[in-house]
């Protein structure tokens, strides 16, 4: 009889773990319990459904429960795992559909319970008209809300807040973006924030930075956001002030958390408990620049976690080699990509960090339609080791960030970057690639 693998949570990390394990070892019995009504979908696409660019939420679904079952994987939506006994390897599951509780057993367990939005400690967040965006159900609620909304306030100018600001503008809403720090995308450096602010304001988004949100006003339904700088009328409020890992189940069964507050794992995604793995937004990663555990709740990382856990459970050799913190997002016509440490973060970490920031173009200056492109390089004074970087462009030119990410994975230097043979043709790059121009300036 084959071993039994149970996955708790069936979105990115959980679905990847289940599919990979079953593919690598068809004798494994694989079962997935998912609390919500949806499994295996691209949550990163939710803002583009809100904008109307993607016509329906169904387009985001990678695999349905029926498709998993054809693969021999038992997927159970609306099933919440409420307790786990690791000594006996027994789970207690609540079936929301039938209102009953039952028990199941496992040989291998994958915790992929994800993360959830954090709500600021202010009055009024429980009112109608106040939303978060994390799940398909959140997307359904927001789509319905957009039909009658006229003015939106967004709390938080990170990835979600910025993407949804664009979506709401495309739907014709008036939008005010409220950020406690002094710029949009506050975890990165000032130059990128300045470019972002200009792009947002050009497209009609009102940007308030350095503001404290004091309360959401209304009597049962939100009517305005009260801030330290004044009152913003709003009939729809999106809270995008961050997320935290769903570790309650893990903690209750004795799974150890790491320094970030997410589940600690080794490079095979194993936890401190025998037979128990973790994957996705509930688990830590290892940051190759910082050399320590790091929490990076992104979809591509979750999928890699899941594939690694699934391979190991299936008896194959696999390791997750860590992250350098690479991310990219779209804000109207700008693509903003970052990797590694910002200059400010590098200074906080104790590096003798310097930065170079240049403006170039995404094609030859004489090529029709070429557009401005900006590069920031962050490096260590003395060693010239690369610590991070950003590329801001009008389109796919921002994917140059992947060159920097690859160098960060190998502890590369400015000299290593200058030695690279990068692609050149007038439609795609100046004869000196913008990355090389930035490296020359830094050196």
Protein backbone atom coordinates (compact mmCIF):
# COMPACT_ATOMS: atom_id res chain seq x y z
CA UNK A 1 0.00 0.00 0.00
CA UNK A 2 1.32 3.46 -0.94
CA UNK A 3 2.07 6.14 1.61
CA UNK A 4 -0.54 8.87 2.23
CA UNK A 5 0.33 12.55 1.68
CA UNK A 6 -2.08 15.19 2.96
CA UNK A 7 -1.80 18.85 1.90
CA UNK A 8 -3.43 21.59 3.98
CA UNK A 9 -4.17 24.47 1.59
CA UNK A 10 -4.58 24.04 -2.16
CA UNK A 11 -3.64 27.30 -3.86
CA UNK A 12 -0.05 27.85 -5.10
CA UNK A 13 2.36 25.98 -2.79
CA UNK A 14 -0.12 23.25 -1.83
CA UNK A 15 -1.34 22.53 -5.36
CA UNK A 16 2.25 22.42 -6.68
CA UNK A 17 3.32 20.02 -3.91
CA UNK A 18 0.40 17.67 -4.60
CA UNK A 19 0.83 17.65 -8.37
CA UNK A 20 4.61 17.20 -8.28
CA UNK A 21 4.50 14.40 -5.69
CA UNK A 22 1.88 12.44 -7.63
CA UNK A 23 3.75 12.90 -10.91
CA UNK A 24 7.05 11.71 -9.43
CA UNK A 25 5.52 8.82 -7.44
CA UNK A 26 2.15 7.61 -8.78
CA UNK A 27 1.88 5.11 -5.88
CA UNK A 28 1.50 7.96 -3.39
CA UNK A 29 -2.03 8.56 -2.13
CA UNK A 30 -2.44 12.38 -2.28
CA UNK A 31 -5.25 14.37 -0.66
CA UNK A 32 -5.69 18.17 -0.54
CA UNK A 33 -7.94 20.02 1.91
CA UNK A 34 -8.73 23.64 1.04
CA UNK A 35 -10.77 25.89 3.33
CA UNK A 36 -12.06 28.15 0.51
CA UNK A 37 -14.04 27.19 -2.56
CA UNK A 38 -11.12 27.50 -4.99
CA UNK A 39 -7.85 25.61 -5.56
CA UNK A 40 -4.88 26.11 -7.88
CA UNK A 41 -5.41 29.64 -9.15
CA UNK A 42 -3.23 32.65 -9.94
CA UNK A 43 -4.02 35.16 -7.22
CA UNK A 44 -1.50 37.54 -8.81
CA UNK A 45 -4.00 38.02 -11.66
CA UNK A 46 -6.78 39.37 -9.42
CA UNK A 47 -6.00 43.09 -10.05
CA UNK A 48 -6.28 42.51 -13.81
CA UNK A 49 -9.71 40.94 -13.43
CA UNK A 50 -10.76 44.01 -11.42
CA UNK A 51 -9.48 46.27 -14.21
CA UNK A 52 -11.39 44.31 -16.85
CA UNK A 53 -8.22 43.35 -18.76
CA UNK A 54 -8.87 39.70 -17.86
CA UNK A 55 -12.55 39.05 -18.55
CA UNK A 56 -13.39 36.69 -15.66
CA UNK A 57 -12.06 35.18 -12.44
CA UNK A 58 -12.38 31.71 -14.00
CA UNK A 59 -9.46 32.56 -16.31
CA UNK A 60 -7.17 32.55 -13.25
CA UNK A 61 -7.90 28.90 -12.40
CA UNK A 62 -4.97 26.66 -13.38
CA UNK A 63 -6.61 23.35 -12.48
CA UNK A 64 -10.07 22.44 -11.20
CA UNK A 65 -10.72 19.78 -8.52
CA UNK A 66 -12.00 17.51 -11.34
CA UNK A 67 -8.72 17.86 -13.22
CA UNK A 68 -6.79 16.98 -10.07
CA UNK A 69 -9.00 13.93 -9.53
CA UNK A 70 -8.23 12.72 -13.07
CA UNK A 71 -4.57 12.85 -12.02
CA UNK A 72 -5.45 10.69 -9.00
CA UNK A 73 -5.35 13.52 -6.42
CA UNK A 74 -8.31 13.92 -4.05
CA UNK A 75 -9.07 17.65 -3.75
CA UNK A 76 -11.67 18.81 -1.22
CA UNK A 77 -12.70 22.51 -1.29
CA UNK A 78 -14.65 23.96 1.66
CA UNK A 79 -12.78 21.55 3.97
CA UNK A 80 -10.96 23.19 6.88
CA UNK A 81 -8.30 21.34 8.88
CA UNK A 82 -8.97 22.45 12.46
CA UNK A 83 -6.55 20.27 14.44
CA UNK A 84 -3.51 18.06 13.82
CA UNK A 85 -2.00 15.47 16.17
CA UNK A 86 1.59 14.94 14.98
CA UNK A 87 2.29 12.03 17.36
CA UNK A 88 -0.54 9.94 15.88
CA UNK A 89 -0.37 11.69 12.45
CA UNK A 90 -4.11 12.37 12.56
CA UNK A 91 -5.97 15.44 11.28
CA UNK A 92 -9.40 16.72 12.28
CA UNK A 93 -11.26 18.20 9.31
CA UNK A 94 -14.45 20.29 9.23
CA UNK A 95 -16.54 19.96 6.07
CA UNK A 96 -18.22 23.36 5.64
CA UNK A 97 -20.54 21.99 2.95
CA UNK A 98 -22.11 19.28 5.10
CA UNK A 99 -21.39 20.81 8.51
CA UNK A 100 -19.65 17.66 9.79
CA UNK A 101 -16.28 16.90 11.38
CA UNK A 102 -14.18 13.83 10.57
CA UNK A 103 -10.64 12.54 11.01
CA UNK A 104 -7.96 11.56 8.49
CA UNK A 105 -4.42 10.22 8.76
CA UNK A 106 -1.16 11.04 7.00
CA UNK A 107 2.34 9.71 6.48
CA UNK A 108 3.50 13.01 5.01
CA UNK A 109 1.95 16.40 5.69
CA UNK A 110 2.42 19.65 3.76
CA UNK A 111 1.34 22.85 5.51
CA UNK A 112 0.43 25.38 2.80
CA UNK A 113 -1.97 27.57 4.73
CA UNK A 114 -0.75 30.80 3.10
CA UNK A 115 -1.03 34.29 4.51
CA UNK A 116 -3.80 36.73 5.26
CA UNK A 117 -4.12 40.52 5.09
CA UNK A 118 -3.34 42.53 8.21
CA UNK A 119 -5.93 45.12 9.18
CA UNK A 120 -4.69 48.36 10.77
CA UNK A 121 -5.82 48.93 14.37
CA UNK A 122 -8.28 51.71 13.53
CA UNK A 123 -12.03 52.07 14.10
CA UNK A 124 -14.43 51.31 11.26
CA UNK A 125 -12.74 48.46 9.38
CA UNK A 126 -15.73 46.14 9.99
CA UNK A 127 -18.12 48.29 7.94
CA UNK A 128 -19.66 47.45 4.57
CA UNK A 129 -17.60 48.83 1.69
CA UNK A 130 -14.23 47.88 3.25
CA UNK A 131 -12.28 45.16 1.44
CA UNK A 132 -8.99 43.30 1.23
CA UNK A 133 -7.65 41.46 -1.85
CA UNK A 134 -6.01 38.11 -1.26
CA UNK A 135 -8.33 35.30 -2.44
CA UNK A 136 -10.79 34.52 -5.23
CA UNK A 137 -13.63 35.22 -2.80
CA UNK A 138 -12.12 38.66 -2.14
CA UNK A 139 -12.04 39.19 -5.90
CA UNK A 140 -15.71 38.21 -6.25
CA UNK A 141 -16.72 40.65 -3.51
CA UNK A 142 -14.71 43.51 -4.99
CA UNK A 143 -16.06 42.91 -8.50
CA UNK A 144 -19.61 43.24 -7.15
CA UNK A 145 -18.66 46.36 -5.19
CA UNK A 146 -17.20 48.07 -8.28
CA UNK A 147 -20.59 48.14 -9.98
CA UNK A 148 -21.92 50.92 -7.75
CA UNK A 149 -18.71 52.57 -6.51
CA UNK A 150 -17.60 56.08 -7.49
CA UNK A 151 -14.74 57.01 -5.20
CA UNK A 152 -12.13 54.62 -3.77
CA UNK A 153 -9.47 55.04 -1.11
CA UNK A 154 -6.58 52.56 -0.97
CA UNK A 155 -4.62 52.15 2.27
CA UNK A 156 -1.04 51.13 1.47
CA UNK A 157 1.14 51.78 -1.59
CA UNK A 158 2.86 48.40 -1.90
CA UNK A 159 2.39 46.00 -4.82
CA UNK A 160 -1.32 45.31 -4.28
CA UNK A 161 -2.25 48.93 -3.56
CA UNK A 162 -0.43 50.16 -6.68
CA UNK A 163 -1.86 47.49 -8.99
CA UNK A 164 -5.41 48.02 -7.74
CA UNK A 165 -5.09 51.82 -8.03
CA UNK A 166 -4.61 51.29 -11.76
CA UNK A 167 -7.49 48.78 -11.90
CA UNK A 168 -9.89 51.18 -10.15
CA UNK A 169 -8.90 54.06 -12.46
CA UNK A 170 -9.55 51.84 -15.50
CA UNK A 171 -13.03 51.23 -14.07
CA UNK A 172 -13.60 54.99 -13.93
CA UNK A 173 -13.36 55.48 -10.16
CA UNK A 174 -11.76 58.45 -8.45
CA UNK A 175 -8.82 57.02 -6.51
CA UNK A 176 -6.84 58.28 -3.52
CA UNK A 177 -3.77 56.27 -2.46
CA UNK A 178 -2.77 56.69 1.20
CA UNK A 179 0.69 55.67 2.38
CA UNK A 180 2.20 56.12 5.86
CA UNK A 181 5.79 56.31 4.57
CA UNK A 182 7.14 59.15 2.44
CA UNK A 183 6.71 57.52 -1.01
CA UNK A 184 4.93 54.85 -3.01
CA UNK A 185 6.69 51.44 -2.90
CA UNK A 186 8.22 52.46 0.45
CA UNK A 187 10.51 49.41 0.75
CA UNK A 188 12.59 50.66 -2.20
CA UNK A 189 14.65 53.81 -2.74
CA UNK A 190 13.49 57.36 -3.35
CA UNK A 191 14.32 57.57 -7.08
CA UNK A 192 11.93 54.72 -7.91
CA UNK A 193 9.24 56.16 -5.64
CA UNK A 194 9.50 59.51 -7.42
CA UNK A 195 9.05 57.88 -10.85
CA UNK A 196 6.05 55.96 -9.52
CA UNK A 197 4.40 59.02 -7.99
CA UNK A 198 4.68 60.89 -11.28
CA UNK A 199 3.13 57.99 -13.23
CA UNK A 200 0.25 57.61 -10.75
CA UNK A 201 -0.54 61.32 -10.76
CA UNK A 202 -0.39 61.48 -14.57
CA UNK A 203 -3.17 58.89 -14.61
CA UNK A 204 -5.38 60.68 -12.12
CA UNK A 205 -4.49 58.93 -8.87
CA UNK A 206 -4.31 61.28 -5.90
CA UNK A 207 -1.25 60.23 -3.86
CA UNK A 208 -1.05 61.10 -0.16
CA UNK A 209 2.22 60.08 1.50
CA UNK A 210 3.40 60.50 5.08
CA UNK A 211 -0.20 60.21 6.36
CA UNK A 212 -1.62 58.32 9.32
CA UNK A 213 -5.07 56.80 8.87
CA UNK A 214 -7.06 57.47 12.05
CA UNK A 215 -10.48 55.93 11.31
CA UNK A 216 -12.92 54.82 8.63
CA UNK A 217 -16.02 56.99 9.01
CA UNK A 218 -19.54 55.82 8.33
CA UNK A 219 -22.58 54.38 10.05
CA UNK A 220 -22.47 50.73 8.99
CA UNK A 221 -21.26 51.61 5.48
CA UNK A 222 -17.98 53.41 4.88
CA UNK A 223 -18.28 57.05 3.77
CA UNK A 224 -14.80 58.53 4.32
CA UNK A 225 -11.26 57.93 5.57
CA UNK A 226 -10.12 60.20 8.38
CA UNK A 227 -6.37 60.87 8.25
CA UNK A 228 -3.78 63.07 9.96
CA UNK A 229 -3.83 65.29 6.84
CA UNK A 230 -7.59 65.57 6.30
CA UNK A 231 -10.66 63.58 5.31
CA UNK A 232 -10.94 61.55 2.07
CA UNK A 233 -14.53 60.80 0.97
CA UNK A 234 -14.84 57.18 -0.22
CA UNK A 235 -17.63 54.69 -0.82
CA UNK A 236 -15.10 51.86 -1.28
CA UNK A 237 -11.96 51.28 0.79
CA UNK A 238 -9.29 48.70 -0.02
CA UNK A 239 -6.92 47.83 2.83
CA UNK A 240 -3.54 46.80 1.37
CA UNK A 241 -1.26 47.42 4.35
CA UNK A 242 0.44 44.02 4.30
CA UNK A 243 -0.02 40.33 5.05
CA UNK A 244 1.13 37.87 7.70
CA UNK A 245 1.57 34.09 7.58
CA UNK A 246 -1.27 31.80 8.73
CA UNK A 247 0.77 29.88 11.30
CA UNK A 248 -1.87 29.18 13.99
CA UNK A 249 -2.40 25.54 12.97
CA UNK A 250 1.35 24.95 12.68
CA UNK A 251 2.06 26.47 16.09
CA UNK A 252 -0.71 24.49 17.78
CA UNK A 253 0.86 21.20 16.58
CA UNK A 254 4.40 22.22 17.63
CA UNK A 255 5.91 23.28 14.30
CA UNK A 256 8.75 25.75 14.91
CA UNK A 257 8.61 29.25 13.45
CA UNK A 258 11.69 31.08 12.25
CA UNK A 259 12.89 34.62 13.03
CA UNK A 260 10.50 36.14 10.46
CA UNK A 261 7.40 34.67 12.12
CA UNK A 262 6.81 32.20 9.25
CA UNK A 263 7.49 28.45 9.46
CA UNK A 264 11.19 27.53 9.55
CA UNK A 265 12.24 24.86 7.03
CA UNK A 266 15.45 23.41 5.65
CA UNK A 267 16.23 23.58 1.93
CA UNK A 268 14.10 20.47 1.36
CA UNK A 269 11.12 22.32 2.92
CA UNK A 270 11.13 20.02 5.99
CA UNK A 271 10.01 21.44 9.33
CA UNK A 272 11.24 20.39 12.78
CA UNK A 273 8.58 17.62 12.92
CA UNK A 274 9.17 14.28 11.22
CA UNK A 275 7.15 13.93 8.00
CA UNK A 276 5.88 17.52 8.14
CA UNK A 277 6.76 19.99 5.36
CA UNK A 278 5.77 23.62 4.71
CA UNK A 279 5.40 25.51 1.43
CA UNK A 280 4.19 28.86 0.14
CA UNK A 281 3.39 32.05 1.99
CA UNK A 282 3.31 30.30 5.39
CA UNK A 283 7.00 29.30 5.06
CA UNK A 284 10.30 31.14 5.19
CA UNK A 285 12.93 31.17 2.46
CA UNK A 286 16.71 31.67 2.68
CA UNK A 287 17.91 35.06 1.37
CA UNK A 288 21.15 34.56 -0.54
CA UNK A 289 22.32 38.18 -0.23
CA UNK A 290 21.52 38.58 3.48
CA UNK A 291 22.57 35.01 4.32
CA UNK A 292 19.64 34.41 6.65
CA UNK A 293 15.94 33.39 6.65
CA UNK A 294 13.62 35.81 4.89
CA UNK A 295 9.88 35.91 4.25
CA UNK A 296 8.91 36.53 0.63
CA UNK A 297 5.17 35.87 0.08
CA UNK A 298 5.11 35.73 -3.74
CA UNK A 299 3.41 33.26 -6.08
CA UNK A 300 6.50 32.08 -7.95
CA UNK A 301 8.33 31.39 -4.67
CA UNK A 302 5.30 29.45 -3.36
CA UNK A 303 5.26 27.25 -6.47
CA UNK A 304 8.98 26.49 -6.12
CA UNK A 305 8.50 25.62 -2.43
CA UNK A 306 5.67 23.26 -3.38
CA UNK A 307 7.59 21.54 -6.18
CA UNK A 308 10.54 20.98 -3.85
CA UNK A 309 8.39 19.51 -1.05
CA UNK A 310 6.48 17.30 -3.50
CA UNK A 311 9.70 15.96 -5.06
CA UNK A 312 11.26 15.16 -1.67
CA UNK A 313 8.10 13.41 -0.44
CA UNK A 314 8.07 11.37 -3.68
CA UNK A 315 11.58 10.17 -2.86
CA UNK A 316 13.52 12.38 -5.28
CA UNK A 317 16.51 14.64 -4.58
CA UNK A 318 15.40 18.29 -4.60
CA UNK A 319 16.38 21.50 -2.84
CA UNK A 320 15.02 25.02 -2.76
CA UNK A 321 18.07 27.22 -3.28
CA UNK A 322 16.68 30.41 -1.77
CA UNK A 323 15.70 33.86 -2.97
CA UNK A 324 17.30 37.22 -3.62
CA UNK A 325 14.00 39.10 -3.34
CA UNK A 326 13.21 39.66 -7.02
CA UNK A 327 9.84 41.19 -7.90
CA UNK A 328 8.17 43.05 -10.77
CA UNK A 329 4.84 44.83 -11.11
CA UNK A 330 2.99 47.16 -13.45
CA UNK A 331 1.75 50.66 -12.63
CA UNK A 332 -0.05 52.09 -15.69
CA UNK A 333 2.65 52.38 -18.39
CA UNK A 334 5.57 51.74 -16.03
CA UNK A 335 7.02 48.33 -15.24
CA UNK A 336 8.95 48.40 -11.96
CA UNK A 337 11.36 45.57 -11.15
CA UNK A 338 13.58 45.22 -8.09
CA UNK A 339 15.97 42.58 -6.75
CA UNK A 340 18.21 42.18 -3.71
CA UNK A 341 18.61 45.05 -1.27
CA UNK A 342 17.70 48.67 -1.79
CA UNK A 343 20.41 51.16 -0.90
CA UNK A 344 18.57 52.13 2.30
CA UNK A 345 18.10 48.46 3.29
CA UNK A 346 21.79 47.73 2.61
CA UNK A 347 22.84 50.62 4.87
CA UNK A 348 20.49 49.35 7.60
CA UNK A 349 22.13 45.91 7.28
CA UNK A 350 25.53 47.46 7.97
CA UNK A 351 26.97 47.36 4.44
CA UNK A 352 29.15 50.21 3.17
CA UNK A 353 26.64 50.54 0.38
CA UNK A 354 26.71 52.89 -2.59
CA UNK A 355 24.31 53.30 -5.48
CA UNK A 356 24.33 54.43 -9.08
CA UNK A 357 21.13 55.65 -10.76
CA UNK A 358 21.01 56.34 -14.48
CA UNK A 359 18.47 57.13 -17.18
CA UNK A 360 18.91 55.44 -20.56
CA UNK A 361 16.51 54.02 -23.18
CA UNK A 362 15.00 50.63 -24.01
CA UNK A 363 16.19 50.89 -27.65
CA UNK A 364 18.57 52.91 -29.79
CA UNK A 365 17.84 56.67 -29.59
CA UNK A 366 17.05 56.73 -33.32
CA UNK A 367 14.70 53.73 -33.26
CA UNK A 368 10.98 54.75 -33.52
CA UNK A 369 9.07 54.22 -30.30
CA UNK A 370 12.05 53.72 -28.00
CA UNK A 371 11.28 54.96 -24.49
CA UNK A 372 13.14 56.02 -21.35
CA UNK A 373 14.46 53.32 -19.03
CA UNK A 374 16.04 53.77 -15.58
CA UNK A 375 18.53 51.55 -13.74
CA UNK A 376 19.63 51.62 -10.11
CA UNK A 377 22.57 49.51 -8.93
CA UNK A 378 23.35 48.98 -5.25
CA UNK A 379 26.86 47.70 -4.46
CA UNK A 380 29.38 47.39 -1.65
CA UNK A 381 32.14 49.96 -1.50
CA UNK A 382 35.59 48.38 -1.62
CA UNK A 383 34.56 44.95 -2.93
CA UNK A 384 32.16 46.20 -5.67
CA UNK A 385 29.92 43.22 -4.82
CA UNK A 386 26.39 43.75 -6.15
CA UNK A 387 23.79 43.97 -3.37
CA UNK A 388 20.66 44.86 -5.33
CA UNK A 389 19.14 46.84 -8.15
CA UNK A 390 16.06 48.15 -9.86
CA UNK A 391 14.95 48.61 -13.46
CA UNK A 392 12.02 50.88 -14.36
CA UNK A 393 10.83 50.76 -17.97
CA UNK A 394 7.86 51.19 -20.26
CA UNK A 395 7.33 47.47 -20.82
CA UNK A 396 9.34 44.28 -20.95
CA UNK A 397 12.67 46.12 -20.80
CA UNK A 398 12.27 45.95 -17.01
CA UNK A 399 13.02 42.20 -17.21
CA UNK A 400 16.70 43.21 -17.40
CA UNK A 401 16.39 42.88 -13.63
CA UNK A 402 16.78 39.11 -14.13
CA UNK A 403 20.42 39.66 -15.16
CA UNK A 404 21.00 41.36 -11.80
CA UNK A 405 19.10 38.60 -9.95
CA UNK A 406 21.31 35.95 -11.59
CA UNK A 407 24.44 37.81 -10.53
CA UNK A 408 23.13 38.17 -6.97
CA UNK A 409 22.61 34.38 -6.81
CA UNK A 410 26.32 33.99 -7.61
CA UNK A 411 27.65 36.85 -5.41
CA UNK A 412 28.58 38.79 -8.57
CA UNK A 413 30.41 42.11 -8.73
CA UNK A 414 30.30 45.23 -10.91
CA UNK A 415 33.23 43.69 -12.82
CA UNK A 416 31.20 40.53 -13.48
CA UNK A 417 28.34 42.66 -14.81
CA UNK A 418 30.65 44.67 -17.09
CA UNK A 419 32.10 41.43 -18.48
CA UNK A 420 28.69 40.11 -19.64
CA UNK A 421 27.89 39.70 -23.34
CA UNK A 422 24.37 41.21 -23.41
CA UNK A 423 22.05 41.23 -26.41
CA UNK A 424 21.96 44.27 -28.67
CA UNK A 425 19.73 45.33 -31.56
CA UNK A 426 18.29 48.85 -32.04
CA UNK A 427 14.65 47.90 -31.26
CA UNK A 428 15.66 46.39 -27.87
CA UNK A 429 18.71 48.18 -26.52
CA UNK A 430 21.17 50.99 -27.04
CA UNK A 431 24.58 49.75 -28.19
CA UNK A 432 25.67 50.03 -24.54
CA UNK A 433 23.04 48.21 -22.51
CA UNK A 434 21.58 50.36 -19.69
CA UNK A 435 22.88 47.82 -17.13
CA UNK A 436 26.43 48.30 -18.43
CA UNK A 437 26.07 52.11 -18.42
CA UNK A 438 24.98 51.94 -14.76
CA UNK A 439 27.89 49.61 -13.90
CA UNK A 440 30.37 51.93 -15.62
CA UNK A 441 29.01 54.89 -13.67
CA UNK A 442 29.22 52.94 -10.41
CA UNK A 443 32.82 51.94 -11.09
